[in-house]
Amino acid sequence: MSSINQKIFLAYDIRGIYPKDFNEDAAYKIGRAFVDFLCSKFQIPNSKFKVVVGRDCRLAAPKIFKSFSKGVIDQGANVIDIGKVPVDALYFALHYFKTDASAMITASHNPPEYIGIKMMAKDSKCLCADWGIPQIKELALKNQFIKAKHHGKVIKKDIVPHYLKYILNLEDISSIKPLKVVVDASNGMAGKIVKSLAKKLPIKLTCLYCNQDGSFLNHPSNPLLPESTRDLQKEVIKQKADFGLIYDGDGDRTIFIDEKGQAVSGDMLIILFASYFLKKEQGATIGYNLICSKSVPEIIREMGGKPLRTKTGQSLVKEIAKKHQAIFTGEISGHICFRDTFYVECGGLILLLMLKILSATKTPLSQIINNFKRYYRLGEINFEVKNSQAIIKKIAEIYKDGKQDWLDGLTVDYWSSPAVKGGTSWWFNIRPSNTEPLLRLVIEAENKEKAEEEFKKISRIIKTA
């Protein structure tokens, strides 16, 4: 058996601290297992198998890329090396080059000491805990590979010009006005695309931290952390910009800042984009993850769309979106996947859409978003626990008079339940983290007082369980 640390095999990717948890030896064996699993699954001869591989700017990325690619070619398959790119450019390359799979050497929004691999098969099928990652884990740990008759090869190609052309053809950019925009690329990969796009647009762009630096020296590469958006918020106000936009390390997660320097909640962004797409395609299906505000499905229906409630988790969301041919799907965490980009994220299109929306109105972004807010939502609150399932079971018993469902953790709805009996309506979701010993709680109510009251009650249950 191999000495690979099994903790690196997670729900949506393979990831760990370099070199303590995830090193070159692990990457090499995973590369070989990756080829063996997918060639067997799709019945492709190893010599015909092609995988496009990209990487972010993390300090360990070149070493892990080299080792992973050696594993692939030692199994007789071929690597198309597209160099340092945002992950959405890699997803595009999978389709553009018509390869069998893709792999991104990245740790996304994690701290700089982390490195990992995001993997995808053709037709945008993510390798995750439900399919692919357990099989690759088993093969890599056994380390009993049949030697290939012929080695594969590494071919270098540039995807960025083709990707930029594709993005610019998705929307009519002639209606975009000379808006002021501030973009924070978090010293990650998105700056490479954003600066090139801006040259084709009439906007005035201020680019913060668009230089690549794998140590993420200016702030964490996670845009959901308050310390990550502080500089962007200040710069938006200083520049009197129409909006700000921050990307995570590999460019697939985005958070908008309005002209007042306030963050736009991911669920409100879903409604905003829904209003745009439903003017183009009435009756379209729009996905949202179940921890979004109750106003999301309500307003989508009012605008003539079909809301599609999903679990949380990018690989799950992508599969559901494909199955229902959703025009786009969004998660409150900042992941938005589009039908026009093969049901995956597209950081460049995100920017173009906001430019199009604000160019068509004189209403500032903050006011547009305020029009969508109907209820008071307490954002996701984390509790560190050891016995998450037992706690959820206890909460389910205490709140059994509410309408319950188990799509993703436990959701209890007192909005439509007779248990409300004329009182204030509210709902909550509690679910375990896929990667950490945490319980995540979301509560929404008709007003702030009710939300905070119920939060105190559920918090006591969790802390005393």
Protein backbone atom coordinates (compact mmCIF):
# COMPACT_ATOMS: atom_id res chain seq x y z
CA MET A 1 0.00 0.00 0.00
CA SER A 2 1.11 3.56 -0.76
CA SER A 3 2.04 6.08 1.94
CA ILE A 4 -0.28 8.75 0.49
CA ASN A 5 -2.15 10.73 3.15
CA GLN A 6 -5.78 9.67 2.69
CA LYS A 7 -7.08 12.95 4.11
CA ILE A 8 -6.34 14.70 0.81
CA PHE A 9 -9.23 12.94 -0.97
CA LEU A 10 -12.15 15.31 -0.37
CA ALA A 11 -15.73 15.80 -1.54
CA TYR A 12 -15.01 17.87 -4.65
CA ASP A 13 -11.27 17.65 -5.23
CA ILE A 14 -7.95 16.37 -3.95
CA ARG A 15 -6.24 18.89 -1.67
CA GLY A 16 -3.81 19.29 1.21
CA ILE A 17 -0.89 21.23 2.66
CA TYR A 18 2.31 20.98 0.61
CA PRO A 19 4.47 19.00 1.19
CA LYS A 20 3.18 17.67 4.53
CA ASP A 21 -0.09 16.22 3.20
CA PHE A 22 0.21 16.41 -0.57
CA ASN A 23 3.55 16.03 -2.35
CA GLU A 24 5.10 15.05 -5.68
CA ASP A 25 4.89 11.32 -4.98
CA ALA A 26 1.15 11.55 -4.34
CA ALA A 27 0.62 13.68 -7.46
CA TYR A 28 2.50 11.15 -9.61
CA LYS A 29 0.43 8.19 -8.40
CA ILE A 30 -2.79 10.16 -8.73
CA GLY A 31 -1.85 10.99 -12.33
CA ARG A 32 -1.47 7.30 -13.12
CA ALA A 33 -4.70 6.41 -11.30
CA PHE A 34 -6.55 9.22 -13.09
CA VAL A 35 -5.68 7.72 -16.47
CA ASP A 36 -6.42 4.14 -15.43
CA PHE A 37 -9.83 4.99 -13.99
CA LEU A 38 -11.10 7.11 -16.88
CA CYS A 39 -9.68 4.89 -19.64
CA SER A 40 -11.41 1.92 -18.05
CA LYS A 41 -14.64 3.84 -17.46
CA PHE A 42 -14.92 5.21 -21.00
CA GLN A 43 -13.17 2.26 -22.67
CA ILE A 44 -10.50 4.45 -24.23
CA PRO A 45 -7.05 3.00 -25.01
CA ASN A 46 -4.42 4.72 -22.88
CA SER A 47 -2.54 5.81 -25.99
CA LYS A 48 -5.62 7.68 -27.25
CA PHE A 49 -6.43 9.37 -23.94
CA LYS A 50 -5.82 13.14 -23.77
CA VAL A 51 -6.02 15.33 -20.68
CA VAL A 52 -5.69 19.11 -20.69
CA VAL A 53 -3.85 20.36 -17.59
CA GLY A 54 -3.68 23.89 -16.22
CA ARG A 55 -2.34 25.35 -13.00
CA ASP A 56 -2.64 28.40 -10.80
CA CYS A 57 0.21 30.54 -9.50
CA ARG A 58 0.73 28.77 -6.16
CA LEU A 59 4.37 28.20 -5.33
CA ALA A 60 4.00 24.41 -5.34
CA ALA A 61 1.93 24.28 -8.55
CA PRO A 62 4.86 23.75 -11.00
CA LYS A 63 6.16 20.78 -8.99
CA ILE A 64 2.75 19.14 -8.64
CA PHE A 65 2.01 19.79 -12.32
CA LYS A 66 5.25 18.12 -13.34
CA SER A 67 4.67 15.05 -11.14
CA PHE A 68 0.99 14.66 -12.06
CA SER A 69 1.80 14.98 -15.77
CA LYS A 70 4.62 12.42 -15.48
CA GLY A 71 2.09 10.01 -13.96
CA VAL A 72 -0.25 10.60 -16.89
CA ILE A 73 2.39 10.07 -19.59
CA ASP A 74 3.89 7.06 -17.79
CA GLN A 75 0.47 5.45 -18.17
CA GLY A 76 0.70 6.05 -21.92
CA ALA A 77 -1.68 9.01 -22.11
CA ASN A 78 -1.04 12.53 -23.43
CA VAL A 79 -1.03 15.89 -21.66
CA ILE A 80 -2.00 19.20 -23.24
CA ASP A 81 -0.26 21.80 -21.07
CA ILE A 82 -2.04 25.18 -21.17
CA GLY A 83 0.14 26.73 -18.48
CA LYS A 84 -1.06 29.17 -15.82
CA VAL A 85 -4.75 29.96 -16.34
CA PRO A 86 -7.95 30.54 -14.36
CA VAL A 87 -9.89 27.32 -13.93
CA ASP A 88 -12.74 28.48 -16.19
CA ALA A 89 -10.25 28.74 -19.08
CA LEU A 90 -9.28 25.13 -18.38
CA TYR A 91 -12.94 24.07 -18.50
CA PHE A 92 -13.26 25.79 -21.86
CA ALA A 93 -10.09 24.06 -23.11
CA LEU A 94 -11.62 20.67 -22.27
CA HIS A 95 -14.32 21.36 -24.87
CA TYR A 96 -12.26 23.41 -27.32
CA PHE A 97 -9.52 20.79 -27.67
CA LYS A 98 -12.04 17.93 -27.41
CA THR A 99 -9.99 16.13 -24.79
CA ASP A 100 -11.18 13.27 -22.60
CA ALA A 101 -10.56 15.03 -19.30
CA SER A 102 -9.06 18.05 -17.58
CA ALA A 103 -7.09 18.63 -14.40
CA MET A 104 -6.40 21.92 -12.64
CA ILE A 105 -3.48 22.13 -10.24
CA THR A 106 -4.90 24.50 -7.63
CA ALA A 107 -6.24 24.82 -4.11
CA SER A 108 -8.82 27.41 -5.14
CA HIS A 109 -9.54 29.82 -2.26
CA ASN A 110 -7.42 28.02 0.36
CA PRO A 111 -4.34 29.57 2.03
CA PRO A 112 -1.06 29.56 0.06
CA GLU A 113 0.41 26.50 1.78
CA TYR A 114 -2.30 24.32 0.19
CA ILE A 115 -2.16 22.64 -3.22
CA GLY A 116 -4.52 20.23 -4.94
CA ILE A 117 -6.17 18.98 -8.13
CA LYS A 118 -9.65 19.64 -9.52
CA MET A 119 -10.59 16.98 -12.07
CA MET A 120 -13.24 16.84 -14.75
CA ALA A 121 -14.14 14.31 -17.45
CA LYS A 122 -15.65 15.11 -20.84
CA ASP A 123 -19.15 16.63 -20.93
CA SER A 124 -18.24 18.67 -17.81
CA LYS A 125 -18.60 15.68 -15.49
CA CYS A 126 -16.84 16.50 -12.23
CA LEU A 127 -14.86 13.89 -10.39
CA CYS A 128 -16.07 14.04 -6.79
CA ALA A 129 -16.82 11.89 -3.75
CA ASP A 130 -19.83 10.36 -5.54
CA TRP A 131 -17.91 9.39 -8.66
CA GLY A 132 -14.24 9.27 -9.52
CA ILE A 133 -12.34 10.38 -6.43
CA PRO A 134 -12.95 7.16 -4.40
CA GLN A 135 -11.84 5.02 -7.34
CA ILE A 136 -8.73 7.13 -7.97
CA LYS A 137 -7.94 7.02 -4.26
CA GLU A 138 -8.12 3.21 -4.24
CA LEU A 139 -5.91 2.87 -7.32
CA ALA A 140 -3.35 5.39 -6.06
CA LEU A 141 -3.12 3.75 -2.64
CA LYS A 142 -2.63 0.28 -4.15
CA ASN A 143 0.07 1.62 -6.49
CA GLN A 144 -0.08 -1.50 -8.66
CA PHE A 145 -0.13 -0.04 -12.16
CA ILE A 146 0.46 -2.04 -15.33
CA LYS A 147 3.39 -0.55 -17.20
CA ALA A 148 2.33 1.17 -20.42
CA LYS A 149 3.81 -0.07 -23.70
CA HIS A 150 4.49 3.47 -24.85
CA HIS A 151 4.93 6.72 -22.96
CA GLY A 152 2.64 9.62 -23.72
CA LYS A 153 3.84 13.14 -24.38
CA VAL A 154 3.31 16.68 -23.16
CA ILE A 155 2.13 19.23 -25.74
CA LYS A 156 2.07 22.96 -24.92
CA LYS A 157 -0.86 25.02 -26.20
CA ASP A 158 -2.27 28.50 -25.55
CA ILE A 159 -6.00 28.58 -24.79
CA VAL A 160 -6.36 32.21 -23.66
CA PRO A 161 -6.92 33.89 -27.09
CA HIS A 162 -9.57 31.32 -28.00
CA TYR A 163 -11.24 31.67 -24.61
CA LEU A 164 -11.36 35.47 -24.81
CA LYS A 165 -12.90 35.30 -28.27
CA TYR A 166 -15.52 32.85 -27.02
CA ILE A 167 -16.49 35.02 -24.05
CA LEU A 168 -16.81 38.16 -26.18
CA ASN A 169 -19.08 36.33 -28.61
CA LEU A 170 -21.50 35.27 -25.86
CA GLU A 171 -22.93 38.77 -25.38
CA ASP A 172 -23.41 41.86 -27.52
CA ILE A 173 -20.87 44.22 -26.02
CA SER A 174 -21.89 47.23 -28.15
CA SER A 175 -24.41 48.36 -25.52
CA ILE A 176 -21.84 48.51 -22.71
CA LYS A 177 -21.27 52.05 -21.43
CA PRO A 178 -18.00 53.53 -20.08
CA LEU A 179 -18.64 52.42 -16.52
CA LYS A 180 -16.07 52.66 -13.74
CA VAL A 181 -15.10 49.23 -12.44
CA VAL A 182 -12.68 48.03 -9.77
CA VAL A 183 -11.55 44.39 -9.96
CA ASP A 184 -9.56 42.59 -7.28
CA ALA A 185 -7.94 39.43 -8.65
CA SER A 186 -6.57 38.38 -5.23
CA ASN A 187 -3.08 37.92 -6.76
CA GLY A 188 -4.61 34.88 -8.48
CA MET A 189 -5.43 33.86 -12.01
CA ALA A 190 -8.44 36.02 -12.94
CA GLY A 191 -6.38 39.14 -13.60
CA LYS A 192 -4.95 37.53 -16.72
CA ILE A 193 -8.41 37.38 -18.33
CA VAL A 194 -9.92 40.56 -16.87
CA LYS A 195 -7.17 42.87 -18.14
CA SER A 196 -7.39 41.36 -21.63
CA LEU A 197 -11.19 41.68 -21.68
CA ALA A 198 -11.05 45.29 -20.53
CA LYS A 199 -8.98 46.22 -23.60
CA LYS A 200 -11.99 45.25 -25.75
CA LEU A 201 -14.48 47.26 -23.67
CA PRO A 202 -15.15 50.98 -23.14
CA ILE A 203 -14.90 50.68 -19.34
CA LYS A 204 -12.48 52.43 -17.01
CA LEU A 205 -10.84 49.59 -15.08
CA THR A 206 -8.90 49.83 -11.85
CA CYS A 207 -7.23 46.48 -11.21
CA LEU A 208 -6.19 45.59 -7.65
CA TYR A 209 -3.73 42.77 -7.09
CA CYS A 210 -3.95 41.56 -10.68
CA ASN A 211 -0.31 40.47 -10.57
CA GLN A 212 0.11 36.77 -9.90
CA ASP A 213 1.68 35.94 -6.55
CA GLY A 214 1.36 32.45 -5.13
CA SER A 215 1.86 33.69 -1.58
CA PHE A 216 -1.29 35.87 -1.89
CA LEU A 217 0.62 38.63 -0.14
CA ASN A 218 -2.10 41.29 -0.12
CA HIS A 219 -5.02 39.36 1.38
CA PRO A 220 -6.43 35.80 1.53
CA SER A 221 -7.63 34.36 -1.78
CA ASN A 222 -11.04 33.60 -0.26
CA PRO A 223 -13.43 36.46 -1.21
CA LEU A 224 -15.94 35.45 1.47
CA LEU A 225 -13.61 36.59 4.24
CA PRO A 226 -14.17 40.20 5.36
CA GLU A 227 -10.45 40.96 5.31
CA SER A 228 -10.30 39.98 1.63
CA THR A 229 -12.72 42.66 0.44
CA ARG A 230 -11.62 45.64 2.57
CA ASP A 231 -9.24 47.14 0.01
CA LEU A 232 -11.74 46.64 -2.80
CA GLN A 233 -14.51 48.31 -0.82
CA LYS A 234 -12.31 51.32 -0.09
CA GLU A 235 -11.19 51.60 -3.71
CA VAL A 236 -14.76 51.45 -5.06
CA ILE A 237 -15.70 54.42 -2.86
CA LYS A 238 -12.47 56.29 -3.64
CA GLN A 239 -12.90 55.86 -7.38
CA LYS A 240 -16.67 56.49 -7.22
CA ALA A 241 -16.96 53.28 -9.22
CA ASP A 242 -20.19 51.72 -10.43
CA PHE A 243 -19.22 48.40 -8.85
CA GLY A 244 -16.37 46.23 -7.68
CA LEU A 245 -15.70 42.56 -8.32
CA ILE A 246 -13.38 40.18 -6.47
CA TYR A 247 -12.27 36.73 -7.64
CA ASP A 248 -10.82 33.87 -5.64
CA GLY A 249 -7.43 32.30 -6.30
CA ASP A 250 -8.33 30.20 -9.34
CA GLY A 251 -11.07 32.53 -10.58
CA ASP A 252 -14.24 30.45 -10.28
CA ARG A 253 -15.77 32.24 -7.29
CA THR A 254 -16.85 35.89 -7.43
CA ILE A 255 -18.30 38.48 -5.07
CA PHE A 256 -19.63 41.88 -6.19
CA ILE A 257 -19.36 45.14 -4.27
CA ASP A 258 -21.96 47.86 -4.93
CA GLU A 259 -21.18 51.54 -5.47
CA LYS A 260 -21.53 52.17 -1.71
CA GLY A 261 -18.83 49.64 -0.92
CA GLN A 262 -21.23 46.95 0.36
CA ALA A 263 -20.99 43.29 -0.63
CA VAL A 264 -23.80 41.90 -2.78
CA SER A 265 -25.12 38.65 -1.32
CA GLY A 266 -24.81 35.69 -3.68
CA ASP A 267 -28.54 34.95 -3.60
CA MET A 268 -29.41 38.52 -4.56
CA LEU A 269 -26.97 38.22 -7.46
CA ILE A 270 -28.87 35.13 -8.63
CA ILE A 271 -32.07 37.18 -8.76
CA LEU A 272 -30.31 39.99 -10.63
CA PHE A 273 -28.94 37.63 -13.28
CA ALA A 274 -32.32 35.86 -13.45
CA SER A 275 -33.96 39.19 -14.33
CA TYR A 276 -31.50 39.54 -17.22
CA PHE A 277 -31.76 36.00 -18.61
CA LEU A 278 -35.54 35.73 -18.29
CA LYS A 279 -35.94 38.73 -20.58
CA LYS A 280 -34.02 36.74 -23.17
CA GLU A 281 -35.64 33.35 -22.50
CA GLN A 282 -39.02 33.31 -20.79
CA GLY A 283 -39.71 30.14 -18.83
CA ALA A 284 -36.03 29.25 -18.45
CA THR A 285 -34.91 27.08 -15.54
CA ILE A 286 -32.65 28.77 -12.99
CA GLY A 287 -30.91 26.82 -10.24
CA TYR A 288 -30.23 28.05 -6.70
CA ASN A 289 -28.82 26.20 -3.71
CA LEU A 290 -31.22 25.63 -0.84
CA ILE A 291 -29.54 27.98 1.64
CA CYS A 292 -30.46 30.99 -0.52
CA SER A 293 -33.17 33.41 0.57
CA LYS A 294 -36.80 32.38 0.15
CA SER A 295 -37.13 35.44 -2.09
CA VAL A 296 -35.01 33.74 -4.80
CA PRO A 297 -37.61 31.16 -5.94
CA GLU A 298 -40.44 33.62 -5.30
CA ILE A 299 -39.04 36.31 -7.57
CA ILE A 300 -37.88 33.85 -10.25
CA ARG A 301 -41.48 32.57 -10.50
CA GLU A 302 -42.86 36.12 -10.57
CA MET A 303 -40.53 36.91 -13.48
CA GLY A 304 -41.74 33.86 -15.41
CA GLY A 305 -38.89 31.49 -14.67
CA LYS A 306 -38.69 27.99 -13.22
CA PRO A 307 -36.68 27.89 -9.96
CA LEU A 308 -34.67 24.73 -9.39
CA ARG A 309 -33.67 24.01 -5.78
CA THR A 310 -30.32 22.21 -5.45
CA LYS A 311 -27.96 20.88 -2.85
CA THR A 312 -24.83 22.87 -2.00
CA GLY A 313 -21.59 21.83 -3.72
CA GLN A 314 -20.21 22.73 -7.12
CA SER A 315 -19.98 19.20 -8.58
CA LEU A 316 -23.57 18.42 -7.52
CA VAL A 317 -24.87 21.71 -8.89
CA LYS A 318 -23.20 21.19 -12.27
CA GLU A 319 -24.81 17.76 -12.72
CA ILE A 320 -28.27 19.02 -11.74
CA ALA A 321 -27.92 22.01 -14.07
CA LYS A 322 -27.08 19.73 -17.01
CA LYS A 323 -29.94 17.37 -16.25
CA HIS A 324 -32.49 20.21 -16.24
CA GLN A 325 -30.73 22.36 -18.88
CA ALA A 326 -30.79 25.35 -16.54
CA ILE A 327 -29.81 28.61 -18.23
CA PHE A 328 -27.64 29.21 -15.17
CA THR A 329 -27.30 27.98 -11.61
CA GLY A 330 -25.93 29.87 -8.64
CA GLU A 331 -24.68 29.21 -5.15
CA ILE A 332 -24.65 31.82 -2.42
CA SER A 333 -20.89 31.22 -2.06
CA GLY A 334 -20.22 32.93 -5.41
CA HIS A 335 -20.16 29.99 -7.83
CA ILE A 336 -22.33 30.63 -10.91
CA CYS A 337 -22.44 28.14 -13.80
CA PHE A 338 -23.86 28.95 -17.24
CA ARG A 339 -25.44 26.76 -19.90
CA ASP A 340 -23.55 28.75 -22.54
CA THR A 341 -20.22 27.83 -20.92
CA PHE A 342 -20.91 24.09 -20.73
CA TYR A 343 -22.55 24.31 -17.27
CA VAL A 344 -19.41 25.55 -15.54
CA GLU A 345 -18.24 28.87 -14.11
CA CYS A 346 -17.02 31.70 -16.33
CA GLY A 347 -15.36 34.67 -14.60
CA GLY A 348 -15.24 36.75 -17.76
CA LEU A 349 -18.94 36.32 -18.51
CA ILE A 350 -19.78 37.32 -14.92
CA LEU A 351 -18.11 40.67 -15.55
CA LEU A 352 -19.80 41.19 -18.93
CA LEU A 353 -23.25 40.47 -17.51
CA MET A 354 -22.95 43.06 -14.77
CA LEU A 355 -21.69 45.60 -17.29
CA LYS A 356 -24.66 44.85 -19.56
CA ILE A 357 -27.19 45.08 -16.73
CA LEU A 358 -25.91 48.40 -15.36
CA SER A 359 -25.45 49.89 -18.84
CA ALA A 360 -29.17 49.37 -19.48
CA THR A 361 -30.33 51.36 -16.44
CA LYS A 362 -29.64 54.57 -14.53
CA THR A 363 -30.42 52.80 -11.24
CA PRO A 364 -27.35 52.14 -9.07
CA LEU A 365 -26.52 48.55 -8.14
CA SER A 366 -27.30 49.03 -4.43
CA GLN A 367 -30.85 50.17 -5.21
CA ILE A 368 -31.48 47.32 -7.64
CA ILE A 369 -30.38 44.80 -5.02
CA ASN A 370 -32.46 46.43 -2.25
CA ASN A 371 -35.56 45.92 -4.38
CA PHE A 372 -35.02 42.15 -4.14
CA LYS A 373 -34.71 41.98 -0.36
CA ARG A 374 -37.91 40.78 1.33
CA TYR A 375 -36.83 38.93 4.46
CA TYR A 376 -34.08 38.93 7.09
CA ARG A 377 -31.50 36.20 6.54
CA LEU A 378 -28.76 35.30 9.00
CA GLY A 379 -25.85 34.21 6.84
CA GLU A 380 -24.18 30.84 7.23
CA ILE A 381 -22.91 30.45 10.82
CA ASN A 382 -20.44 27.68 11.66
CA PHE A 383 -20.29 25.60 14.84
CA GLU A 384 -17.33 23.35 15.55
CA VAL A 385 -18.70 19.99 16.69
CA LYS A 386 -17.68 16.35 16.97
CA ASN A 387 -21.08 14.66 16.67
CA SER A 388 -22.85 16.51 13.85
CA GLN A 389 -25.30 13.75 12.90
CA ALA A 390 -26.45 13.25 16.49
CA ILE A 391 -27.04 16.98 16.88
CA ILE A 392 -29.02 17.20 13.65
CA LYS A 393 -31.14 14.24 14.76
CA LYS A 394 -31.88 15.97 18.07
CA ILE A 395 -32.82 19.22 16.32
CA ALA A 396 -35.10 17.32 13.94
CA GLU A 397 -36.95 15.86 16.91
CA ILE A 398 -37.32 19.22 18.67
CA TYR A 399 -38.61 20.92 15.49
CA LYS A 400 -40.76 18.05 14.24
CA ASP A 401 -43.85 20.28 14.03
CA GLY A 402 -42.28 22.17 11.09
CA LYS A 403 -42.22 21.03 7.48
CA GLN A 404 -38.97 19.04 7.15
CA ASP A 405 -36.89 17.89 4.21
CA TRP A 406 -33.47 16.25 3.98
CA LEU A 407 -32.23 17.29 0.53
CA ASP A 408 -29.04 18.71 2.05
CA GLY A 409 -28.78 18.35 5.82
CA LEU A 410 -32.04 19.26 7.57
CA THR A 411 -34.34 22.06 6.41
CA VAL A 412 -37.30 22.97 8.63
CA ASP A 413 -39.89 25.37 7.21
CA TYR A 414 -42.32 27.28 9.40
CA TRP A 415 -43.47 29.47 6.54
CA SER A 416 -46.18 27.23 5.20
CA SER A 417 -46.53 25.10 8.34
CA PRO A 418 -49.72 25.25 10.44
CA ALA A 419 -47.39 25.29 13.48
CA VAL A 420 -46.85 29.03 12.91
CA LYS A 421 -50.49 29.73 13.90
CA GLY A 422 -50.48 33.38 12.98
CA GLY A 423 -46.99 34.04 14.30
CA THR A 424 -43.90 35.20 12.42
CA SER A 425 -42.86 32.89 9.58
CA TRP A 426 -39.31 31.52 9.41
CA TRP A 427 -37.18 28.61 8.21
CA PHE A 428 -33.72 27.18 8.85
CA ASN A 429 -31.23 24.74 7.40
CA ILE A 430 -28.52 22.92 9.31
CA ARG A 431 -26.01 20.71 7.55
CA PRO A 432 -22.58 19.21 8.19
CA SER A 433 -19.55 20.47 6.31
CA ASN A 434 -18.16 18.08 3.69
CA THR A 435 -14.57 18.86 4.63
CA GLU A 436 -14.43 20.06 8.26
CA PRO A 437 -15.89 19.07 11.69
CA LEU A 438 -18.48 21.85 11.41
CA LEU A 439 -22.21 22.33 11.42
CA ARG A 440 -23.45 25.15 9.20
CA LEU A 441 -26.65 26.96 10.18
CA VAL A 442 -28.76 29.33 8.07
CA ILE A 443 -31.92 31.05 9.36
CA GLU A 444 -34.34 33.34 7.56
CA ALA A 445 -37.44 35.04 8.94
CA GLU A 446 -39.91 37.78 8.14
CA ASN A 447 -37.95 40.12 10.43
CA LYS A 448 -34.64 40.47 12.25
CA GLU A 449 -36.10 39.90 15.72
CA LYS A 450 -37.53 36.49 14.83
CA ALA A 451 -34.35 35.36 13.08
CA GLU A 452 -32.18 36.28 16.06
CA GLU A 453 -34.61 34.75 18.55
CA GLU A 454 -34.58 31.40 16.77
CA PHE A 455 -30.83 31.54 16.28
CA LYS A 456 -30.33 31.78 20.05
CA LYS A 457 -32.58 28.75 20.61
CA ILE A 458 -30.84 26.54 18.04
CA SER A 459 -27.39 27.71 19.18
CA ARG A 460 -28.16 26.57 22.74
CA ILE A 461 -29.22 23.15 21.48
CA ILE A 462 -25.99 22.74 19.50
CA LYS A 463 -23.72 23.93 22.32
CA THR A 464 -25.36 21.76 24.98
CA ALA A 465 -25.70 18.60 22.87
